[in-house]
Amino acid sequence: MNEQLKQTIIEVCNKKIQTKWDNVWISFYAFFKNKNDNPELLMEAATWWIITHQLDHFEKATKIKSMIEIKN
């Protein structure tokens, strides 16, 4: 996973956790704007989420953040 996507995931998770506490759930779509302006990056995130880790559509933000930070 590229560094830009990792940083975006961590930033989005941090914002969600700050505003909605530790119990907030997110989808990989949360890391992108409402328009598909970077399909390759979207597919990279989808592949990591769905194929590599076989995650459910929604997962806890704390779990996703931890998974990204462990890989760094």
C-alpha atoms as a PDB file:
ATOM      1  CA  MET A   1       0.000   0.000   0.000  1.00  0.00           C
ATOM      2  CA  ASN A   2       1.408   3.375  -0.932  1.00  0.00           C
ATOM      3  CA  GLU A   3       2.417   5.882   1.720  1.00  0.00           C
ATOM      4  CA  GLN A   4      -0.160   8.501   0.681  1.00  0.00           C
ATOM      5  CA  LEU A   5      -3.006   6.045   1.213  1.00  0.00           C
ATOM      6  CA  LYS A   6      -1.605   4.916   4.576  1.00  0.00           C
ATOM      7  CA  GLN A   7      -1.430   8.507   5.801  1.00  0.00           C
ATOM      8  CA  THR A   8      -4.960   9.229   4.573  1.00  0.00           C
ATOM      9  CA  ILE A   9      -6.305   6.154   6.375  1.00  0.00           C
ATOM     10  CA  ILE A  10      -4.615   7.146   9.638  1.00  0.00           C
ATOM     11  CA  GLU A  11      -5.852  10.751   9.359  1.00  0.00           C
ATOM     12  CA  VAL A  12      -9.442   9.712   8.606  1.00  0.00           C
ATOM     13  CA  CYS A  13      -9.440   7.168  11.431  1.00  0.00           C
ATOM     14  CA  ASN A  14      -8.049   9.748  13.867  1.00  0.00           C
ATOM     15  CA  LYS A  15     -10.748  12.272  12.900  1.00  0.00           C
ATOM     16  CA  LYS A  16     -13.527   9.701  13.221  1.00  0.00           C
ATOM     17  CA  ILE A  17     -12.210   8.486  16.587  1.00  0.00           C
ATOM     18  CA  GLN A  18     -11.906  12.070  17.896  1.00  0.00           C
ATOM     19  CA  THR A  19     -15.460  12.985  16.930  1.00  0.00           C
ATOM     20  CA  LYS A  20     -17.244   9.695  17.585  1.00  0.00           C
ATOM     21  CA  TRP A  21     -14.962   7.967  20.112  1.00  0.00           C
ATOM     22  CA  ASP A  22     -13.411   4.525  19.939  1.00  0.00           C
ATOM     23  CA  ASN A  23     -16.562   2.730  18.861  1.00  0.00           C
ATOM     24  CA  VAL A  24     -16.895   4.339  15.404  1.00  0.00           C
ATOM     25  CA  TRP A  25     -17.155   2.015  12.414  1.00  0.00           C
ATOM     26  CA  ILE A  26     -15.922   2.899   8.911  1.00  0.00           C
ATOM     27  CA  SER A  27     -15.795   1.552   5.385  1.00  0.00           C
ATOM     28  CA  PHE A  28     -12.848   1.896   3.008  1.00  0.00           C
ATOM     29  CA  TYR A  29     -14.993   4.410   1.104  1.00  0.00           C
ATOM     30  CA  ALA A  30     -14.431   6.827   4.014  1.00  0.00           C
ATOM     31  CA  PHE A  31     -10.908   7.438   2.693  1.00  0.00           C
ATOM     32  CA  PHE A  32     -12.127   8.929  -0.585  1.00  0.00           C
ATOM     33  CA  LYS A  33     -14.152  11.875  -1.793  1.00  0.00           C
ATOM     34  CA  ASN A  34     -17.634  11.237  -3.126  1.00  0.00           C
ATOM     35  CA  LYS A  35     -16.328  11.204  -6.666  1.00  0.00           C
ATOM     36  CA  ASN A  36     -14.023   8.622  -8.140  1.00  0.00           C
ATOM     37  CA  ASP A  37     -11.080  10.828  -9.097  1.00  0.00           C
ATOM     38  CA  ASN A  38      -8.395   8.197  -8.429  1.00  0.00           C
ATOM     39  CA  PRO A  39      -9.687   4.732  -9.393  1.00  0.00           C
ATOM     40  CA  GLU A  40      -6.277   3.053  -8.992  1.00  0.00           C
ATOM     41  CA  LEU A  41      -5.982   4.214  -5.384  1.00  0.00           C
ATOM     42  CA  LEU A  42      -9.576   3.185  -4.687  1.00  0.00           C
ATOM     43  CA  MET A  43      -8.856  -0.284  -6.066  1.00  0.00           C
ATOM     44  CA  GLU A  44      -5.690  -0.497  -3.977  1.00  0.00           C
ATOM     45  CA  ALA A  45      -7.694   0.262  -0.822  1.00  0.00           C
ATOM     46  CA  ALA A  46     -10.479  -2.128  -1.843  1.00  0.00           C
ATOM     47  CA  THR A  47      -7.991  -4.920  -2.552  1.00  0.00           C
ATOM     48  CA  TRP A  48      -6.251  -4.403   0.800  1.00  0.00           C
ATOM     49  CA  TRP A  49      -9.600  -4.300   2.642  1.00  0.00           C
ATOM     50  CA  ILE A  50     -11.569  -7.026   0.851  1.00  0.00           C
ATOM     51  CA  ILE A  51      -9.098  -9.455  -0.665  1.00  0.00           C
ATOM     52  CA  THR A  52      -5.952  -9.201   1.450  1.00  0.00           C
ATOM     53  CA  HIS A  53      -7.593  -8.941   4.870  1.00  0.00           C
ATOM     54  CA  GLN A  54     -11.139 -10.189   4.129  1.00  0.00           C
ATOM     55  CA  LEU A  55     -12.656  -7.465   6.291  1.00  0.00           C
ATOM     56  CA  ASP A  56     -16.373  -6.816   6.622  1.00  0.00           C
ATOM     57  CA  HIS A  57     -17.855  -3.806   4.850  1.00  0.00           C
ATOM     58  CA  PHE A  58     -17.696  -1.814   8.112  1.00  0.00           C
ATOM     59  CA  GLU A  59     -14.924  -2.202  10.678  1.00  0.00           C
ATOM     60  CA  LYS A  60     -13.910  -0.269  13.771  1.00  0.00           C
ATOM     61  CA  ALA A  61     -11.687   2.698  12.957  1.00  0.00           C
ATOM     62  CA  THR A  62      -9.363   1.736  15.822  1.00  0.00           C
ATOM     63  CA  LYS A  63      -8.839  -1.713  14.266  1.00  0.00           C
ATOM     64  CA  ILE A  64      -8.047  -0.309  10.812  1.00  0.00           C
ATOM     65  CA  LYS A  65      -5.702   2.317  12.236  1.00  0.00           C
ATOM     66  CA  SER A  66      -3.847  -0.349  14.229  1.00  0.00           C
ATOM     67  CA  MET A  67      -3.511  -2.583  11.174  1.00  0.00           C
ATOM     68  CA  ILE A  68      -1.969   0.259   9.148  1.00  0.00           C
ATOM     69  CA  GLU A  69       0.361   1.370  11.947  1.00  0.00           C
ATOM     70  CA  ILE A  70       1.633  -2.181  12.540  1.00  0.00           C
ATOM     71  CA  LYS A  71       2.611  -2.469   8.875  1.00  0.00           C
ATOM     72  CA  ASN A  72       4.663   0.775   8.978  1.00  0.00           C
END
